[in-house]
């Protein structure tokens, strides 16, 4: 007979869980094992690994070495590529440096050509144009009478600048005038000068036949100063006293040819005003005027000496205020050993800049040659250099006569 059995819900659930859990666990383990066998079979069927017969430590070492090999190869590749790149960069830097140097040089040449600083050979037309411009500039600040042709002039004046021992240039120019410039000498009404120029001017009017002898005295005086340790500045040596004796030996007793014709440039010491003296009361008065025109403080008579006194006034070198006297009422031919606006003067080649400046009423070029000449005027060079100045003065004066077509010699002389 059937019996009714009652079961609680909880008990049913637990029993069902227990009954179902064991088969699931078994099935999972079986599937895991089967998968493992499959993996092992696949591994065994594949090629053997090089680590099969080695220990774990050896395998680890092999792995380390093999892992370092690509790193080492990569490093060597990088170092080789770095050395190649360094060589390439060095060569490229050298090339770029050479290119920059060439570019710099070409730019410098271009700048020089633009500024016209390169020395070039000038054509005859360019030289003629420069000469015309120089002559126009030379006559720009001079009296209007100086623009008239010399050949049409009936009276002349020679003006000799102050120049110290470079007076040999004046001797050369005057010698050329006496020999080849009779057109001027025969019409000469005045001769003016400052310092050494006044000494040559007085000889030209009073004793032209002694110009050669006076030139030799100038050379001897230069040799005398060159033998001294400090030249004219040597203690105990007084240049003005030597000049007084020299001038006294050359000037004649009759100075009437110099009256009203010889113009000596003087400077009043206190007022610093120029004065041109042309009338002389006596021969001694003329000598005092010539010595005053050559007097340079502290140079001619040493430190603390009193300047020459004429008519109660102290006078010093006329070159301080008027080194190249000029006149408005007569055609004046100016002569100077300094390159500038003097009509008879050295022609210096101005390579870069044609600068001029006016010093003591004389316009001169600003260049190294004039600086050297200024030093040589006070400290005489060798006799050979002084002789070259004489030749330069003769040549420049002759070129002046040719340019104005007034070359005229005494009768019976050859050109």
Protein backbone atom coordinates (compact mmCIF):
# COMPACT_ATOMS: atom_id res chain seq x y z
CA UNK A 1 0.00 0.00 0.00
CA UNK A 2 1.47 3.21 -0.96
CA UNK A 3 2.63 5.60 1.65
CA UNK A 4 2.75 9.40 1.40
CA UNK A 5 6.15 10.84 2.13
CA UNK A 6 6.59 14.58 2.85
CA UNK A 7 9.94 16.23 2.21
CA UNK A 8 10.99 19.72 3.24
CA UNK A 9 12.02 22.17 0.53
CA UNK A 10 15.42 22.78 2.06
CA UNK A 11 16.36 19.19 2.15
CA UNK A 12 15.35 18.79 -1.42
CA UNK A 13 17.55 21.61 -2.51
CA UNK A 14 20.58 20.36 -0.61
CA UNK A 15 20.25 16.89 -1.94
CA UNK A 16 19.91 18.13 -5.43
CA UNK A 17 23.07 20.26 -5.06
CA UNK A 18 25.12 17.43 -3.72
CA UNK A 19 23.99 15.05 -6.34
CA UNK A 20 24.82 17.47 -9.15
CA UNK A 21 28.18 18.91 -7.87
CA UNK A 22 30.34 15.82 -8.08
CA UNK A 23 29.70 15.03 -11.75
CA UNK A 24 30.48 18.67 -12.77
CA UNK A 25 33.81 18.67 -10.91
CA UNK A 26 34.83 15.46 -12.53
CA UNK A 27 33.95 16.67 -15.96
CA UNK A 28 36.02 19.88 -15.48
CA UNK A 29 39.10 17.97 -14.42
CA UNK A 30 38.75 15.67 -17.36
CA UNK A 31 38.50 18.55 -19.80
CA UNK A 32 41.57 20.27 -18.28
CA UNK A 33 43.61 17.09 -18.53
CA UNK A 34 42.55 16.51 -22.08
CA UNK A 35 43.56 20.04 -23.00
CA UNK A 36 46.94 19.56 -21.35
CA UNK A 37 47.52 16.37 -23.26
CA UNK A 38 46.67 18.13 -26.45
CA UNK A 39 49.16 20.93 -25.73
CA UNK A 40 51.90 18.41 -24.81
CA UNK A 41 51.24 16.43 -27.94
CA UNK A 42 51.49 19.53 -30.05
CA UNK A 43 54.71 20.55 -28.28
CA UNK A 44 56.26 17.11 -28.72
CA UNK A 45 55.23 16.98 -32.35
CA UNK A 46 56.95 20.34 -33.00
CA UNK A 47 60.78 20.75 -33.30
CA UNK A 48 62.75 20.38 -30.14
CA UNK A 49 63.74 23.50 -28.28
CA UNK A 50 67.45 24.15 -27.66
CA UNK A 51 66.64 24.33 -23.98
CA UNK A 52 65.44 20.71 -23.68
CA UNK A 53 68.76 19.24 -22.49
CA UNK A 54 69.90 22.18 -20.33
CA UNK A 55 69.27 23.18 -16.81
CA UNK A 56 67.24 26.19 -15.85
CA UNK A 57 70.36 28.19 -15.00
CA UNK A 58 71.96 27.45 -18.36
CA UNK A 59 68.75 28.32 -20.11
CA UNK A 60 68.61 31.60 -18.24
CA UNK A 61 72.19 32.38 -19.25
CA UNK A 62 71.47 31.57 -22.86
CA UNK A 63 68.44 33.74 -22.79
CA UNK A 64 70.51 36.58 -21.33
CA UNK A 65 73.22 36.27 -24.01
CA UNK A 66 70.75 35.97 -26.81
CA UNK A 67 68.81 38.92 -25.53
CA UNK A 68 72.02 40.99 -25.35
CA UNK A 69 73.19 40.12 -28.86
CA UNK A 70 70.64 42.33 -30.65
CA UNK A 71 71.33 45.09 -28.16
CA UNK A 72 75.09 44.89 -28.82
CA UNK A 73 74.54 44.78 -32.54
CA UNK A 74 72.20 47.74 -32.27
CA UNK A 75 74.82 49.66 -30.22
CA UNK A 76 77.58 48.88 -32.72
CA UNK A 77 75.32 49.96 -35.55
CA UNK A 78 74.54 53.17 -33.71
CA UNK A 79 78.25 53.88 -32.96
CA UNK A 80 79.24 53.25 -36.56
CA UNK A 81 76.40 55.42 -37.77
CA UNK A 82 77.40 58.08 -35.21
CA UNK A 83 81.01 58.05 -36.42
CA UNK A 84 79.82 58.29 -40.00
CA UNK A 85 77.49 61.12 -39.11
CA UNK A 86 80.31 62.88 -37.16
CA UNK A 87 82.64 62.59 -40.16
CA UNK A 88 79.92 63.82 -42.44
CA UNK A 89 79.11 66.73 -40.10
CA UNK A 90 82.83 67.67 -39.85
CA UNK A 91 83.23 67.61 -43.60
CA UNK A 92 80.02 69.57 -44.00
CA UNK A 93 81.26 72.11 -41.44
CA UNK A 94 84.55 72.47 -43.33
CA UNK A 95 82.66 72.94 -46.57
CA UNK A 96 80.32 75.46 -44.99
CA UNK A 97 83.31 77.33 -43.45
CA UNK A 98 85.06 77.49 -46.83
CA UNK A 99 81.86 78.65 -48.47
CA UNK A 100 81.38 81.34 -45.82
CA UNK A 101 85.00 82.48 -46.24
CA UNK A 102 84.56 82.70 -49.99
CA UNK A 103 81.31 84.56 -49.51
CA UNK A 104 82.99 86.97 -47.07
CA UNK A 105 85.85 87.63 -49.48
CA UNK A 106 83.53 88.21 -52.40
CA UNK A 107 81.44 90.56 -50.27
CA UNK A 108 84.56 92.46 -49.22
CA UNK A 109 85.68 92.78 -52.83
CA UNK A 110 82.24 94.04 -53.75
CA UNK A 111 82.33 96.62 -50.95
CA UNK A 112 85.80 97.76 -51.97
CA UNK A 113 84.74 98.08 -55.58
CA UNK A 114 81.63 100.01 -54.60
CA UNK A 115 83.58 102.39 -52.37
CA UNK A 116 86.24 102.68 -55.07
CA UNK A 117 89.01 101.93 -52.57
CA UNK A 118 90.94 99.64 -54.88
CA UNK A 119 93.92 101.18 -56.53
CA UNK A 120 93.27 101.38 -60.25
CA UNK A 121 95.25 102.71 -63.12
CA UNK A 122 93.75 106.03 -64.16
CA UNK A 123 93.31 106.94 -67.77
CA UNK A 124 94.85 110.15 -69.18
CA UNK A 125 91.40 111.73 -69.40
CA UNK A 126 90.75 110.99 -65.72
CA UNK A 127 94.11 112.47 -64.74
CA UNK A 128 93.36 115.58 -66.80
CA UNK A 129 89.94 115.92 -65.17
CA UNK A 130 91.47 115.60 -61.68
CA UNK A 131 94.08 118.22 -62.55
CA UNK A 132 91.39 120.64 -63.70
CA UNK A 133 89.36 120.08 -60.55
CA UNK A 134 92.45 120.58 -58.40
CA UNK A 135 93.28 123.82 -60.20
CA UNK A 136 89.70 125.05 -59.82
CA UNK A 137 89.80 124.26 -56.10
CA UNK A 138 93.21 125.89 -55.86
CA UNK A 139 91.91 129.20 -57.20
CA UNK A 140 88.59 129.09 -55.36
CA UNK A 141 89.70 131.02 -52.26
CA UNK A 142 92.27 133.19 -53.98
CA UNK A 143 91.91 136.74 -55.40
CA UNK A 144 90.15 137.18 -58.72
CA UNK A 145 93.35 138.31 -60.42
CA UNK A 146 94.77 134.81 -59.97
CA UNK A 147 92.20 133.46 -62.46
CA UNK A 148 93.68 135.50 -65.33
CA UNK A 149 96.21 133.87 -67.70
CA UNK A 150 99.79 134.29 -66.60
CA UNK A 151 100.96 135.01 -70.11
CA UNK A 152 98.95 138.22 -70.18
CA UNK A 153 100.25 139.49 -66.82
CA UNK A 154 102.69 142.41 -66.75
CA UNK A 155 103.72 142.11 -63.09
CA UNK A 156 104.18 139.21 -60.71
CA UNK A 157 104.82 138.37 -57.10
CA UNK A 158 106.48 135.22 -55.77
CA UNK A 159 105.31 133.98 -52.37
CA UNK A 160 107.51 131.48 -50.52
CA UNK A 161 106.00 129.59 -47.60
CA UNK A 162 107.63 128.86 -44.26
CA UNK A 163 109.16 125.39 -44.25
CA UNK A 164 112.28 125.26 -42.06
CA UNK A 165 115.03 123.07 -43.48
CA UNK A 166 112.85 122.21 -46.46
CA UNK A 167 113.92 125.58 -47.82
CA UNK A 168 116.01 123.56 -50.28
CA UNK A 169 112.72 123.15 -52.17
CA UNK A 170 112.53 126.96 -52.48
CA UNK A 171 116.13 127.08 -53.68
CA UNK A 172 115.23 124.59 -56.42
CA UNK A 173 112.12 126.51 -57.52
CA UNK A 174 113.93 129.87 -57.55
CA UNK A 175 116.87 128.38 -59.46
CA UNK A 176 114.45 127.12 -62.10
CA UNK A 177 112.80 130.54 -62.33
CA UNK A 178 116.16 132.26 -62.80
CA UNK A 179 117.09 129.83 -65.53
CA UNK A 180 113.79 129.16 -67.33
CA UNK A 181 111.25 131.69 -66.05
CA UNK A 182 112.51 135.02 -67.32
CA UNK A 183 108.93 135.86 -68.22
CA UNK A 184 108.24 136.07 -64.46
CA UNK A 185 111.66 137.22 -63.20
CA UNK A 186 111.80 140.17 -65.59
CA UNK A 187 108.34 141.28 -64.42
CA UNK A 188 108.88 140.52 -60.75
CA UNK A 189 107.70 143.39 -58.54
CA UNK A 190 107.37 141.67 -55.15
CA UNK A 191 108.73 138.68 -53.30
CA UNK A 192 107.09 137.69 -50.04
CA UNK A 193 107.97 134.97 -47.57
CA UNK A 194 107.63 133.61 -44.07
CA UNK A 195 110.35 131.99 -41.98
CA UNK A 196 112.80 130.17 -44.28
CA UNK A 197 110.87 131.51 -47.27
CA UNK A 198 111.77 135.07 -46.28
CA UNK A 199 115.50 134.18 -46.27
CA UNK A 200 115.32 132.77 -49.81
CA UNK A 201 113.23 135.76 -50.92
CA UNK A 202 115.84 138.22 -49.62
CA UNK A 203 118.60 136.36 -51.49
CA UNK A 204 116.56 136.38 -54.70
CA UNK A 205 116.23 140.17 -54.61
CA UNK A 206 119.61 141.13 -53.15
CA UNK A 207 122.10 138.39 -54.08
CA UNK A 208 120.67 135.96 -56.68
CA UNK A 209 124.19 134.91 -57.70
CA UNK A 210 124.82 133.48 -54.20
CA UNK A 211 121.86 131.10 -54.17
CA UNK A 212 124.07 128.08 -54.89
CA UNK A 213 126.46 128.97 -52.08
CA UNK A 214 123.59 129.55 -49.66
CA UNK A 215 122.22 126.11 -50.55
CA UNK A 216 125.51 124.51 -49.53
CA UNK A 217 125.38 126.39 -46.22
CA UNK A 218 121.89 124.96 -45.65
CA UNK A 219 123.18 121.44 -46.26
CA UNK A 220 126.08 122.01 -43.88
CA UNK A 221 123.74 123.36 -41.19
CA UNK A 222 121.56 120.26 -41.53
CA UNK A 223 124.61 118.02 -41.13
CA UNK A 224 125.61 120.00 -38.05
CA UNK A 225 122.23 119.49 -36.40
CA UNK A 226 122.17 115.79 -37.27
CA UNK A 227 125.43 115.33 -35.36
CA UNK A 228 123.78 116.68 -32.20
CA UNK A 229 121.86 114.38 -29.90
CA UNK A 230 118.66 116.44 -29.88
CA UNK A 231 119.15 118.57 -32.96
CA UNK A 232 118.25 122.22 -32.46
CA UNK A 233 116.85 121.34 -29.02
CA UNK A 234 120.26 120.30 -27.70
CA UNK A 235 121.05 122.30 -24.53
CA UNK A 236 123.53 125.08 -25.22
CA UNK A 237 122.84 125.19 -28.96
CA UNK A 238 121.04 128.29 -30.30
CA UNK A 239 119.92 128.08 -33.91
CA UNK A 240 118.97 131.74 -34.19
CA UNK A 241 122.52 132.86 -33.43
CA UNK A 242 123.82 130.65 -36.24
CA UNK A 243 121.26 132.10 -38.66
CA UNK A 244 122.23 135.67 -37.77
CA UNK A 245 125.84 135.00 -38.70
CA UNK A 246 124.85 133.24 -41.93
CA UNK A 247 122.48 136.01 -43.04
CA UNK A 248 124.98 138.69 -42.14
CA UNK A 249 127.55 137.03 -44.39
CA UNK A 250 125.21 136.92 -47.38
CA UNK A 251 123.34 140.23 -47.29
CA UNK A 252 125.00 143.15 -49.08
CA UNK A 253 125.42 146.56 -47.51
CA UNK A 254 123.07 148.09 -50.04
CA UNK A 255 119.54 146.85 -49.38
CA UNK A 256 117.73 149.35 -51.60
CA UNK A 257 116.57 146.63 -54.08
CA UNK A 258 114.54 145.15 -51.20
CA UNK A 259 112.77 148.38 -50.24
CA UNK A 260 109.07 148.10 -51.05
CA UNK A 261 109.62 144.76 -52.83
CA UNK A 262 110.54 142.32 -50.09
CA UNK A 263 107.57 141.47 -47.83
CA UNK A 264 108.51 139.68 -44.63
CA UNK A 265 105.72 137.96 -42.66
CA UNK A 266 105.88 138.61 -38.89
CA UNK A 267 103.62 137.74 -35.96
CA UNK A 268 103.07 140.04 -32.99
CA UNK A 269 103.60 137.75 -30.02
CA UNK A 270 100.99 139.20 -27.65
CA UNK A 271 98.24 140.05 -30.12
CA UNK A 272 98.87 137.07 -32.44
CA UNK A 273 98.32 139.39 -35.41
CA UNK A 274 100.18 139.17 -38.70
CA UNK A 275 102.23 142.01 -40.07
CA UNK A 276 103.92 142.27 -43.48
CA UNK A 277 107.00 144.50 -43.34
CA UNK A 278 108.32 145.86 -46.65
CA UNK A 279 110.19 149.03 -45.62
CA UNK A 280 113.45 148.69 -43.71
CA UNK A 281 115.23 151.55 -42.00
CA UNK A 282 118.65 149.91 -42.16
CA UNK A 283 120.45 146.69 -42.92
CA UNK A 284 120.31 145.72 -39.25
CA UNK A 285 116.58 146.34 -39.27
CA UNK A 286 116.22 143.95 -42.19
CA UNK A 287 118.28 141.29 -40.40
CA UNK A 288 116.14 141.66 -37.26
CA UNK A 289 112.97 141.24 -39.33
CA UNK A 290 114.33 138.11 -41.02
CA UNK A 291 115.37 136.61 -37.69
CA UNK A 292 111.99 137.41 -36.14
CA UNK A 293 110.24 135.74 -39.07
CA UNK A 294 112.27 132.57 -38.35
CA UNK A 295 111.93 132.66 -34.56
CA UNK A 296 110.09 129.66 -33.06
CA UNK A 297 109.66 129.87 -29.26
CA UNK A 298 111.66 127.24 -27.30
CA UNK A 299 113.13 125.93 -30.57
CA UNK A 300 115.26 128.77 -31.90
CA UNK A 301 116.85 130.03 -28.66
CA UNK A 302 115.89 127.52 -25.98
CA UNK A 303 113.39 127.73 -23.13
CA UNK A 304 112.79 131.14 -21.56
CA UNK A 305 114.57 133.21 -24.23
CA UNK A 306 113.15 136.59 -25.18
CA UNK A 307 111.77 136.92 -28.72
CA UNK A 308 113.27 139.51 -31.10
CA UNK A 309 112.16 143.08 -30.40
CA UNK A 310 111.49 145.42 -33.33
CA UNK A 311 110.31 148.97 -32.68
CA UNK A 312 109.46 148.07 -29.10
CA UNK A 313 107.29 145.05 -30.04
CA UNK A 314 108.03 141.36 -29.63
CA UNK A 315 107.73 139.34 -32.83
CA UNK A 316 107.84 135.63 -33.57
CA UNK A 317 107.64 133.40 -36.64
CA UNK A 318 105.34 134.82 -39.30
CA UNK A 319 104.21 131.31 -40.18
CA UNK A 320 102.00 131.26 -37.10
CA UNK A 321 99.56 133.74 -38.67
CA UNK A 322 100.38 133.91 -42.40
CA UNK A 323 102.60 131.16 -43.71
CA UNK A 324 101.93 131.89 -47.41
CA UNK A 325 101.28 135.61 -48.07
CA UNK A 326 98.97 136.42 -50.96
CA UNK A 327 97.98 139.73 -52.58
CA UNK A 328 94.81 140.95 -54.25
CA UNK A 329 96.37 143.68 -56.39
CA UNK A 330 99.04 141.59 -58.11
CA UNK A 331 99.29 138.12 -59.60
CA UNK A 332 100.96 136.01 -56.95
CA UNK A 333 102.66 132.68 -57.72
CA UNK A 334 102.72 130.61 -54.52
CA UNK A 335 105.49 128.09 -53.76
CA UNK A 336 105.50 125.52 -50.95
CA UNK A 337 107.14 122.12 -50.29
CA UNK A 338 103.86 120.99 -48.67
CA UNK A 339 101.29 119.54 -51.03
CA UNK A 340 98.10 121.57 -51.17
CA UNK A 341 96.79 124.63 -52.97
CA UNK A 342 100.16 126.26 -53.67
CA UNK A 343 100.69 126.56 -57.42
CA UNK A 344 104.22 125.16 -57.24
CA UNK A 345 104.11 122.29 -54.77
CA UNK A 346 104.45 118.50 -54.69
CA UNK A 347 101.63 116.57 -56.31
CA UNK A 348 100.80 113.78 -53.89
CA UNK A 349 98.61 110.95 -55.17
CA UNK A 350 95.53 110.85 -52.93
CA UNK A 351 94.58 107.17 -53.03
CA UNK A 352 91.50 107.20 -50.82
CA UNK A 353 90.37 110.60 -49.54
CA UNK A 354 91.28 114.09 -50.72
CA UNK A 355 91.16 115.94 -47.40
CA UNK A 356 92.47 119.48 -46.98
CA UNK A 357 92.80 121.87 -44.10
CA UNK A 358 93.80 125.51 -43.81
CA UNK A 359 96.64 126.17 -41.37
CA UNK A 360 98.08 129.66 -40.92
CA UNK A 361 96.48 130.99 -44.10
CA UNK A 362 97.78 128.05 -46.15
CA UNK A 363 95.65 125.18 -47.44
CA UNK A 364 97.43 121.84 -47.29
CA UNK A 365 96.53 118.23 -47.93
CA UNK A 366 95.93 116.00 -44.94
CA UNK A 367 98.16 113.01 -45.63
CA UNK A 368 101.14 111.13 -44.29
CA UNK A 369 103.58 112.81 -46.68
CA UNK A 370 102.87 116.26 -45.28
CA UNK A 371 103.20 114.96 -41.72
CA UNK A 372 106.67 113.64 -42.57
CA UNK A 373 107.56 116.95 -44.23
CA UNK A 374 106.49 118.84 -41.13
CA UNK A 375 108.83 116.77 -38.97
CA UNK A 376 111.69 117.17 -41.46
CA UNK A 377 111.24 120.94 -41.47
CA UNK A 378 112.30 121.14 -37.80
CA UNK A 379 114.56 118.10 -37.61
CA UNK A 380 116.51 118.04 -40.87
CA UNK A 381 116.85 114.75 -42.77
CA UNK A 382 120.04 113.59 -44.42
CA UNK A 383 121.82 115.62 -47.07
CA UNK A 384 120.56 113.25 -49.77
CA UNK A 385 116.94 113.92 -48.79
CA UNK A 386 117.50 117.69 -48.77
CA UNK A 387 119.05 117.41 -52.23
CA UNK A 388 115.98 115.50 -53.41
CA UNK A 389 113.81 118.40 -52.20
CA UNK A 390 115.92 120.79 -54.28
CA UNK A 391 115.40 118.63 -57.36
CA UNK A 392 111.66 118.38 -56.65
CA UNK A 393 111.36 122.17 -56.39
CA UNK A 394 113.21 122.64 -59.68
CA UNK A 395 111.03 120.04 -61.42
CA UNK A 396 107.71 121.35 -60.07
CA UNK A 397 108.60 124.92 -61.06
CA UNK A 398 109.55 123.80 -64.57
CA UNK A 399 106.25 121.92 -64.94
CA UNK A 400 104.43 125.08 -63.84
CA UNK A 401 106.17 127.12 -66.55
CA UNK A 402 105.37 124.53 -69.20
CA UNK A 403 101.71 124.31 -68.17
CA UNK A 404 101.24 128.07 -68.53
CA UNK A 405 103.44 128.28 -71.65
CA UNK A 406 105.78 130.85 -70.16
CA UNK A 407 109.10 129.03 -70.46
CA UNK A 408 111.61 131.72 -71.37
CA UNK A 409 115.37 131.38 -71.05
CA UNK A 410 118.12 133.92 -71.28
CA UNK A 411 119.47 134.46 -74.77
CA UNK A 412 121.84 131.76 -75.95
CA UNK A 413 120.73 129.03 -73.51
CA UNK A 414 119.20 125.73 -74.58
CA UNK A 415 115.91 124.36 -73.39
